[in-house]
């Protein structure tokens, strides 16, 4: 049986995490960037008669047999000329993202999940109120991306969800990333349109994308009630899939009283009390988030989770044996991270600790690709960036914490545990 802190969660390392292979980085990058797990958009090279995406993230030439060396190479130009295949993938990657986003926004995966059997494109279009031609084009492209499957009966193409879309894209699935897809489409994508300007200025692009000032960062992030709820639902999806992995990276049972700082809807707190039956969790967040969490996200039977309103940069922190900072420090520059960690150290009991959950860069900062893209996302959307384990160690040590341990997980995020 899997137990918290077991080897199944990953291997502790004294140094920085190892690198991903270049093919893994390319595949992860082509799958898109965002806070949540992105579905793989690769296909089996053994089914590449018409060409497609190889597991390494390269386009496979039509008719390439399985195992052929060409299946590991990008589509190339004449001998002696640079390949353009990889540039095609990069320049057209936004189209893949938009296919995924459009299918989620229109409700394609939900309609197919609710239907008693596979549907033809005309039936899907009728349910969605969309054009026949546009719907067929979208469905067929989703088939090529392995988001849908198709079979022909009596000359009619009938579409259904794949296991991938049934698990992660159907809204009613307990592991659904539907709201994260909507957040990426409606907010993140628009900020990324101004990446060049963000690089010039070194700051986020809420003013350019939405006409919203960002001097108070979370006033911009939570710029409307609808945006705040979408963000909260998106993070809820992330922690439903990845929460147990980061919380099991270390045995946290010695910490019976936990405080999740910036804990949003309480989704990670739910995973924590489920994994550690002896613990209680206080979720600490700003008043509008706490109110929304109580009204829309917390079930009455979850008695071991409580909420407290406050600003963790200004207000007294709740008493706790362990403080969790999950996807918090990457929002802020070093000086604000140091300020927050110093406040936590002051509030922390002797022998207590802090658990930092973030996507971690390699030691040289040049990988993995997914985390590099996340760091650019921090540039266009926040005040911070992703960091290496050594950089987090330095921040924690400067705040007074010791015995800093890093643990890799099977998911996007690593865990760093430090003690007072």
Protein backbone atom coordinates (compact mmCIF):
# COMPACT_ATOMS: atom_id res chain seq x y z
CA UNK A 1 0.00 0.00 0.00
CA UNK A 2 1.25 3.45 -0.81
CA UNK A 3 2.07 5.48 2.30
CA UNK A 4 2.94 9.17 2.65
CA UNK A 5 6.63 9.78 2.10
CA UNK A 6 7.16 6.40 0.43
CA UNK A 7 9.56 5.84 -2.43
CA UNK A 8 6.63 5.82 -4.82
CA UNK A 9 6.47 9.58 -4.49
CA UNK A 10 10.03 9.97 -5.77
CA UNK A 11 13.59 9.91 -4.52
CA UNK A 12 15.03 12.57 -2.22
CA UNK A 13 18.07 14.30 -3.61
CA UNK A 14 20.80 16.14 -1.80
CA UNK A 15 21.35 18.39 -4.78
CA UNK A 16 19.22 19.80 -7.56
CA UNK A 17 16.77 17.68 -9.49
CA UNK A 18 17.97 15.85 -12.59
CA UNK A 19 17.30 17.08 -16.08
CA UNK A 20 14.52 15.87 -18.32
CA UNK A 21 15.55 14.46 -21.68
CA UNK A 22 15.38 16.87 -24.58
CA UNK A 23 12.55 14.87 -26.14
CA UNK A 24 10.53 15.06 -22.93
CA UNK A 25 11.03 18.80 -22.83
CA UNK A 26 9.91 19.25 -26.41
CA UNK A 27 6.84 17.09 -25.90
CA UNK A 28 5.93 18.95 -22.71
CA UNK A 29 6.40 22.29 -24.40
CA UNK A 30 4.24 21.40 -27.38
CA UNK A 31 1.49 20.26 -25.02
CA UNK A 32 1.16 23.84 -23.84
CA UNK A 33 2.07 25.91 -20.80
CA UNK A 34 -0.02 26.46 -17.79
CA UNK A 35 -0.41 25.86 -14.07
CA UNK A 36 -2.10 22.59 -14.57
CA UNK A 37 -1.17 19.32 -16.20
CA UNK A 38 -1.34 19.60 -19.98
CA UNK A 39 -2.51 16.59 -22.00
CA UNK A 40 0.11 15.06 -24.26
CA UNK A 41 -0.58 15.87 -27.89
CA UNK A 42 1.68 13.20 -29.35
CA UNK A 43 0.66 10.17 -31.36
CA UNK A 44 1.95 6.66 -31.86
CA UNK A 45 4.53 6.61 -34.69
CA UNK A 46 3.19 3.19 -35.56
CA UNK A 47 -0.01 4.92 -36.69
CA UNK A 48 1.76 7.62 -38.67
CA UNK A 49 0.71 6.56 -42.16
CA UNK A 50 -0.58 10.08 -42.74
CA UNK A 51 2.16 11.73 -40.70
CA UNK A 52 1.74 13.14 -37.23
CA UNK A 53 3.43 13.97 -33.94
CA UNK A 54 6.07 11.52 -32.72
CA UNK A 55 6.67 10.82 -29.03
CA UNK A 56 9.71 13.10 -29.23
CA UNK A 57 7.54 15.95 -30.34
CA UNK A 58 8.65 15.90 -33.98
CA UNK A 59 6.52 15.65 -37.10
CA UNK A 60 6.76 12.20 -38.65
CA UNK A 61 6.90 11.85 -42.43
CA UNK A 62 3.88 10.15 -44.03
CA UNK A 63 4.31 6.38 -44.29
CA UNK A 64 7.22 6.19 -41.81
CA UNK A 65 7.22 2.64 -40.36
CA UNK A 66 7.54 2.08 -36.59
CA UNK A 67 11.14 2.09 -35.39
CA UNK A 68 12.45 3.78 -38.54
CA UNK A 69 15.21 6.27 -37.67
CA UNK A 70 13.17 8.92 -39.47
CA UNK A 71 10.51 8.62 -36.76
CA UNK A 72 12.98 10.30 -34.42
CA UNK A 73 13.85 13.09 -36.83
CA UNK A 74 12.02 16.24 -37.72
CA UNK A 75 10.49 16.66 -41.17
CA UNK A 76 13.44 17.95 -43.17
CA UNK A 77 14.21 20.11 -46.17
CA UNK A 78 16.52 19.01 -49.02
CA UNK A 79 19.89 17.57 -47.99
CA UNK A 80 22.27 20.18 -46.63
CA UNK A 81 19.57 22.69 -45.75
CA UNK A 82 18.33 23.49 -42.26
CA UNK A 83 15.13 21.74 -41.23
CA UNK A 84 11.94 23.78 -41.10
CA UNK A 85 9.83 21.07 -39.48
CA UNK A 86 10.67 22.12 -35.94
CA UNK A 87 9.91 25.75 -36.80
CA UNK A 88 6.53 24.71 -38.18
CA UNK A 89 5.72 23.02 -34.90
CA UNK A 90 6.76 25.99 -32.81
CA UNK A 91 5.10 28.64 -34.96
CA UNK A 92 1.84 26.71 -35.22
CA UNK A 93 1.72 25.52 -31.62
CA UNK A 94 -0.83 28.20 -30.75
CA UNK A 95 -3.24 26.59 -33.21
CA UNK A 96 -3.10 23.34 -31.26
CA UNK A 97 -3.83 25.21 -28.03
CA UNK A 98 -6.77 27.00 -29.61
CA UNK A 99 -8.28 23.75 -30.87
CA UNK A 100 -8.15 22.41 -27.32
CA UNK A 101 -9.52 25.63 -25.83
CA UNK A 102 -12.32 25.95 -28.38
CA UNK A 103 -13.46 22.37 -27.88
CA UNK A 104 -13.58 22.96 -24.10
CA UNK A 105 -15.37 26.30 -24.38
CA UNK A 106 -17.98 24.96 -26.80
CA UNK A 107 -18.63 21.89 -24.64
CA UNK A 108 -17.62 19.26 -27.20
CA UNK A 109 -16.32 16.79 -24.62
CA UNK A 110 -19.31 17.28 -22.32
CA UNK A 111 -21.86 16.66 -25.10
CA UNK A 112 -20.11 13.45 -26.12
CA UNK A 113 -19.87 12.31 -22.48
CA UNK A 114 -23.60 12.84 -21.95
CA UNK A 115 -24.68 11.14 -25.20
CA UNK A 116 -25.80 7.48 -25.05
CA UNK A 117 -23.28 6.65 -27.80
CA UNK A 118 -20.95 8.21 -30.38
CA UNK A 119 -22.38 11.15 -32.34
CA UNK A 120 -22.02 12.37 -35.90
CA UNK A 121 -20.77 15.88 -36.55
CA UNK A 122 -24.24 17.15 -37.51
CA UNK A 123 -25.66 15.89 -34.21
CA UNK A 124 -22.82 17.54 -32.28
CA UNK A 125 -23.39 20.79 -34.19
CA UNK A 126 -27.11 20.67 -33.40
CA UNK A 127 -26.46 20.15 -29.69
CA UNK A 128 -23.89 22.95 -29.58
CA UNK A 129 -25.67 25.37 -31.91
CA UNK A 130 -22.58 25.58 -34.11
CA UNK A 131 -22.01 25.45 -37.88
CA UNK A 132 -21.85 22.01 -39.54
CA UNK A 133 -18.65 22.76 -41.44
CA UNK A 134 -16.81 24.31 -38.50
CA UNK A 135 -17.87 21.53 -36.17
CA UNK A 136 -16.66 18.79 -38.51
CA UNK A 137 -13.30 20.53 -38.96
CA UNK A 138 -12.88 20.90 -35.21
CA UNK A 139 -13.88 17.30 -34.45
CA UNK A 140 -11.54 15.85 -37.07
CA UNK A 141 -8.65 17.94 -35.77
CA UNK A 142 -9.40 16.73 -32.24
CA UNK A 143 -9.18 13.18 -33.59
CA UNK A 144 -5.70 13.90 -35.00
CA UNK A 145 -4.69 15.30 -31.61
CA UNK A 146 -6.00 12.14 -29.88
CA UNK A 147 -8.57 14.18 -27.97
CA UNK A 148 -11.39 12.33 -29.76
CA UNK A 149 -11.78 8.99 -31.51
CA UNK A 150 -13.84 8.27 -34.61
CA UNK A 151 -15.44 5.22 -36.23
CA UNK A 152 -17.43 4.90 -39.43
CA UNK A 153 -20.85 3.24 -39.46
CA UNK A 154 -22.95 3.14 -42.61
CA UNK A 155 -20.75 5.75 -44.20
CA UNK A 156 -21.13 8.21 -41.31
CA UNK A 157 -18.25 9.30 -39.06
CA UNK A 158 -19.20 8.96 -35.38
CA UNK A 159 -17.15 10.70 -32.68
CA UNK A 160 -16.52 9.89 -29.04
CA UNK A 161 -14.16 10.94 -26.25
CA UNK A 162 -10.81 9.25 -25.72
CA UNK A 163 -9.70 8.16 -22.26
CA UNK A 164 -7.61 11.34 -22.08
CA UNK A 165 -10.53 13.68 -22.72
CA UNK A 166 -12.93 11.64 -20.58
CA UNK A 167 -10.53 11.91 -17.64
CA UNK A 168 -9.29 15.48 -17.93
CA UNK A 169 -11.57 17.49 -20.22
CA UNK A 170 -15.12 16.43 -19.38
CA UNK A 171 -16.41 18.97 -16.88
CA UNK A 172 -18.02 16.39 -14.56
CA UNK A 173 -14.89 14.23 -14.21
CA UNK A 174 -13.36 14.31 -10.71
CA UNK A 175 -9.96 14.92 -12.35
CA UNK A 176 -11.22 17.50 -14.82
CA UNK A 177 -8.93 20.30 -15.99
CA UNK A 178 -11.81 22.00 -17.84
CA UNK A 179 -11.67 25.22 -15.83
CA UNK A 180 -7.89 25.43 -16.19
CA UNK A 181 -8.31 25.21 -19.96
CA UNK A 182 -10.83 28.07 -19.83
CA UNK A 183 -8.49 30.15 -17.64
CA UNK A 184 -5.59 29.59 -20.02
CA UNK A 185 -7.78 30.51 -22.99
CA UNK A 186 -9.38 33.62 -21.52
CA UNK A 187 -6.57 35.08 -19.42
CA UNK A 188 -3.15 33.52 -19.89
CA UNK A 189 -3.36 33.38 -23.69
CA UNK A 190 -4.23 37.09 -23.89
CA UNK A 191 -1.31 38.05 -21.64
CA UNK A 192 1.07 35.98 -23.76
CA UNK A 193 0.12 38.04 -26.81
CA UNK A 194 2.25 40.75 -25.17
CA UNK A 195 5.29 38.61 -24.31
CA UNK A 196 7.70 40.76 -26.33
CA UNK A 197 6.55 43.85 -24.45
CA UNK A 198 6.87 42.00 -21.13
CA UNK A 199 10.48 41.15 -22.03
CA UNK A 200 11.14 44.81 -22.90
CA UNK A 201 9.59 46.14 -19.71
CA UNK A 202 10.29 43.27 -17.30
CA UNK A 203 6.75 43.36 -15.93
CA UNK A 204 3.33 41.72 -16.30
CA UNK A 205 0.90 42.72 -19.03
CA UNK A 206 -2.51 43.11 -17.37
CA UNK A 207 -2.73 46.74 -18.48
CA UNK A 208 -2.09 45.82 -22.11
CA UNK A 209 -4.31 42.72 -22.10
CA UNK A 210 -7.21 43.93 -19.95
CA UNK A 211 -6.70 47.63 -19.21
CA UNK A 212 -6.22 46.77 -15.52
CA UNK A 213 -3.40 48.27 -13.41
CA UNK A 214 -1.34 45.71 -11.51
CA UNK A 215 0.35 47.69 -8.75
CA UNK A 216 -1.67 45.46 -6.41
CA UNK A 217 -1.06 42.13 -8.12
CA UNK A 218 -4.05 40.15 -6.92
CA UNK A 219 -6.40 43.03 -7.57
CA UNK A 220 -5.47 42.49 -11.22
CA UNK A 221 -5.58 38.70 -11.03
CA UNK A 222 -8.98 38.79 -9.27
CA UNK A 223 -10.24 41.70 -11.38
CA UNK A 224 -13.86 40.50 -11.32
CA UNK A 225 -15.92 37.98 -9.39
CA UNK A 226 -16.16 35.75 -12.46
CA UNK A 227 -12.39 35.82 -12.98
CA UNK A 228 -11.77 35.05 -9.30
CA UNK A 229 -14.10 32.04 -9.40
CA UNK A 230 -12.56 30.75 -12.64
CA UNK A 231 -9.07 30.99 -11.14
CA UNK A 232 -10.21 29.20 -7.98
CA UNK A 233 -11.86 26.42 -9.98
CA UNK A 234 -8.75 26.07 -12.15
CA UNK A 235 -6.53 25.60 -9.09
CA UNK A 236 -9.04 23.17 -7.62
CA UNK A 237 -8.55 21.02 -10.72
CA UNK A 238 -4.76 21.19 -10.41
CA UNK A 239 -4.70 19.99 -6.79
CA UNK A 240 -7.27 17.25 -7.39
CA UNK A 241 -4.75 15.71 -9.78
CA UNK A 242 -1.39 16.70 -8.29
CA UNK A 243 -2.12 17.53 -4.66
CA UNK A 244 -1.69 14.10 -3.14
CA UNK A 245 1.66 13.64 -4.91
CA UNK A 246 3.28 16.76 -3.47
CA UNK A 247 1.81 16.17 -0.01
CA UNK A 248 3.11 12.59 -0.01
CA UNK A 249 6.62 13.64 -1.05
CA UNK A 250 7.45 13.80 2.68
CA UNK A 251 5.78 12.22 5.70
CA UNK A 252 3.85 15.18 7.09
CA UNK A 253 2.10 13.24 9.86
CA UNK A 254 4.35 14.83 12.56
CA UNK A 255 2.63 18.15 11.77
CA UNK A 256 -0.93 17.88 13.13
CA UNK A 257 -1.76 21.57 12.68
CA UNK A 258 -1.23 22.86 9.14
CA UNK A 259 -1.74 26.32 7.65
CA UNK A 260 -2.09 26.61 3.87
CA UNK A 261 -1.09 30.20 3.09
CA UNK A 262 -2.82 31.48 -0.03
CA UNK A 263 -4.80 28.22 0.01
CA UNK A 264 -7.56 29.57 -2.24
CA UNK A 265 -10.59 27.22 -2.44
CA UNK A 266 -9.18 24.74 0.07
CA UNK A 267 -8.56 22.08 -2.59
CA UNK A 268 -5.04 21.28 -1.35
CA UNK A 269 -6.31 21.32 2.23
CA UNK A 270 -8.86 18.64 1.26
CA UNK A 271 -6.08 16.47 -0.13
CA UNK A 272 -4.08 17.03 3.06
CA UNK A 273 -6.81 15.94 5.50
CA UNK A 274 -7.57 12.97 3.26
CA UNK A 275 -3.94 11.84 3.22
CA UNK A 276 -3.27 12.61 6.90
CA UNK A 277 -6.36 11.77 8.99
CA UNK A 278 -4.77 13.20 12.15
CA UNK A 279 -4.25 16.72 10.83
CA UNK A 280 -6.32 19.89 10.76
CA UNK A 281 -5.78 22.63 8.17
CA UNK A 282 -6.39 26.36 8.31
CA UNK A 283 -6.66 28.00 4.89
CA UNK A 284 -5.42 31.60 5.04
CA UNK A 285 -6.34 33.91 2.17
CA UNK A 286 -7.75 37.35 1.40
CA UNK A 287 -11.40 38.03 2.37
CA UNK A 288 -13.08 37.73 -1.08
CA UNK A 289 -11.40 34.36 -1.68
CA UNK A 290 -12.31 33.03 1.76
CA UNK A 291 -15.92 34.08 1.31
CA UNK A 292 -16.13 32.45 -2.12
CA UNK A 293 -14.52 29.26 -0.77
CA UNK A 294 -17.06 29.03 2.06
CA UNK A 295 -20.00 29.75 -0.25
CA UNK A 296 -19.07 27.60 -3.24
CA UNK A 297 -16.28 25.11 -2.53
CA UNK A 298 -16.38 23.76 1.02
CA UNK A 299 -18.68 20.94 2.05
CA UNK A 300 -20.20 21.14 5.57
CA UNK A 301 -18.81 17.73 6.49
CA UNK A 302 -15.20 18.92 6.05
CA UNK A 303 -14.87 19.82 9.72
CA UNK A 304 -11.08 19.54 9.86
CA UNK A 305 -10.67 22.48 7.45
CA UNK A 306 -11.17 26.05 8.62
CA UNK A 307 -10.66 29.41 6.92
CA UNK A 308 -9.13 32.63 8.16
CA UNK A 309 -9.11 35.94 6.31
CA UNK A 310 -5.97 38.01 6.01
CA UNK A 311 -3.01 39.28 3.98
CA UNK A 312 0.05 37.12 4.64
CA UNK A 313 2.36 40.09 4.07
CA UNK A 314 0.65 42.23 6.73
CA UNK A 315 -1.64 40.35 9.10
CA UNK A 316 -0.77 37.93 11.95
CA UNK A 317 -0.41 34.38 10.66
CA UNK A 318 -2.41 31.53 12.22
CA UNK A 319 -0.55 29.24 14.64
CA UNK A 320 0.62 26.04 12.93
CA UNK A 321 3.15 23.22 13.04
CA UNK A 322 3.59 23.38 9.26
CA UNK A 323 3.02 26.21 6.79
CA UNK A 324 2.36 25.34 3.16
CA UNK A 325 3.31 27.70 0.33
CA UNK A 326 1.98 26.03 -2.82
CA UNK A 327 2.49 28.03 -6.02
CA UNK A 328 2.94 31.17 -3.94
CA UNK A 329 6.63 32.13 -3.98
CA UNK A 330 6.81 32.02 -7.77
CA UNK A 331 4.41 35.00 -7.84
CA UNK A 332 6.91 37.30 -6.13
CA UNK A 333 10.45 38.72 -6.46
CA UNK A 334 13.14 37.68 -4.01
CA UNK A 335 12.63 40.58 -1.62
CA UNK A 336 8.93 39.78 -1.13
CA UNK A 337 9.67 36.06 -0.80
CA UNK A 338 12.24 36.87 1.89
CA UNK A 339 9.74 39.09 3.69
CA UNK A 340 7.08 36.36 3.67
CA UNK A 341 9.48 33.58 4.74
CA UNK A 342 10.79 35.72 7.60
CA UNK A 343 7.21 36.25 8.84
CA UNK A 344 6.57 32.50 8.64
CA UNK A 345 9.79 31.74 10.55
CA UNK A 346 8.77 34.15 13.27
CA UNK A 347 5.32 32.55 13.59
CA UNK A 348 6.59 28.98 13.30
CA UNK A 349 6.94 26.83 16.41
CA UNK A 350 10.39 25.34 17.20
CA UNK A 351 10.58 22.04 15.30
CA UNK A 352 7.89 23.24 12.92
CA UNK A 353 8.40 23.69 9.23
CA UNK A 354 7.44 25.10 5.88
CA UNK A 355 6.57 23.12 2.76
CA UNK A 356 7.25 24.91 -0.53
CA UNK A 357 5.53 23.47 -3.60
CA UNK A 358 6.74 24.82 -6.94
CA UNK A 359 7.82 23.77 -10.43
CA UNK A 360 11.62 23.67 -10.18
CA UNK A 361 14.23 24.73 -12.71
CA UNK A 362 17.41 22.77 -13.32
CA UNK A 363 20.56 24.02 -11.59
CA UNK A 364 21.61 26.10 -14.60
CA UNK A 365 18.11 27.50 -15.16
CA UNK A 366 17.98 26.15 -18.73
CA UNK A 367 15.39 23.46 -18.24
CA UNK A 368 13.09 21.67 -18.00
CA UNK A 369 11.30 23.41 -20.83
CA UNK A 370 7.90 23.28 -19.12
CA UNK A 371 9.26 25.14 -16.09
CA UNK A 372 11.02 27.69 -18.31
CA UNK A 373 7.67 28.37 -19.98
CA UNK A 374 6.04 28.68 -16.56
CA UNK A 375 8.70 31.23 -15.64
CA UNK A 376 7.88 33.28 -18.73
CA UNK A 377 4.24 32.97 -17.70
CA UNK A 378 5.17 34.50 -14.35
CA UNK A 379 6.73 37.38 -16.29
CA UNK A 380 3.54 38.14 -18.22
CA UNK A 381 1.13 37.49 -15.30
CA UNK A 382 2.87 38.13 -11.95
CA UNK A 383 5.88 39.82 -10.34
CA UNK A 384 7.95 36.64 -9.91
CA UNK A 385 9.61 33.71 -11.64
CA UNK A 386 10.37 30.01 -11.21
CA UNK A 387 13.56 29.10 -9.34
CA UNK A 388 16.09 26.33 -8.87
CA UNK A 389 16.17 24.24 -5.68
CA UNK A 390 19.40 26.04 -4.72
CA UNK A 391 17.69 29.41 -5.03
CA UNK A 392 14.84 28.27 -2.78
CA UNK A 393 17.37 26.86 -0.31
CA UNK A 394 19.08 30.25 -0.17
CA UNK A 395 15.80 32.06 0.46
CA UNK A 396 14.84 29.60 3.21
CA UNK A 397 18.28 29.72 4.86
CA UNK A 398 18.26 33.52 4.86
CA UNK A 399 14.92 33.42 6.70
CA UNK A 400 16.39 31.14 9.37
CA UNK A 401 15.16 27.72 8.23
CA UNK A 402 17.45 24.68 8.18
CA UNK A 403 17.44 20.98 7.28
CA UNK A 404 16.19 21.83 3.78
CA UNK A 405 15.20 18.76 1.75
CA UNK A 406 14.06 18.52 -1.88
CA UNK A 407 11.91 15.75 -3.26
CA UNK A 408 10.91 15.08 -6.83
CA UNK A 409 7.41 13.86 -7.66
CA UNK A 410 5.89 12.24 -10.72
CA UNK A 411 3.98 15.44 -11.50
CA UNK A 412 4.73 19.02 -12.47
CA UNK A 413 5.65 20.25 -9.01
CA UNK A 414 8.49 19.48 -6.64
CA UNK A 415 8.35 19.75 -2.84
CA UNK A 416 10.85 21.42 -0.52
CA UNK A 417 10.58 20.89 3.24
CA UNK A 418 12.51 23.08 5.69
CA UNK A 419 12.42 23.20 9.49
CA UNK A 420 12.87 25.81 12.17
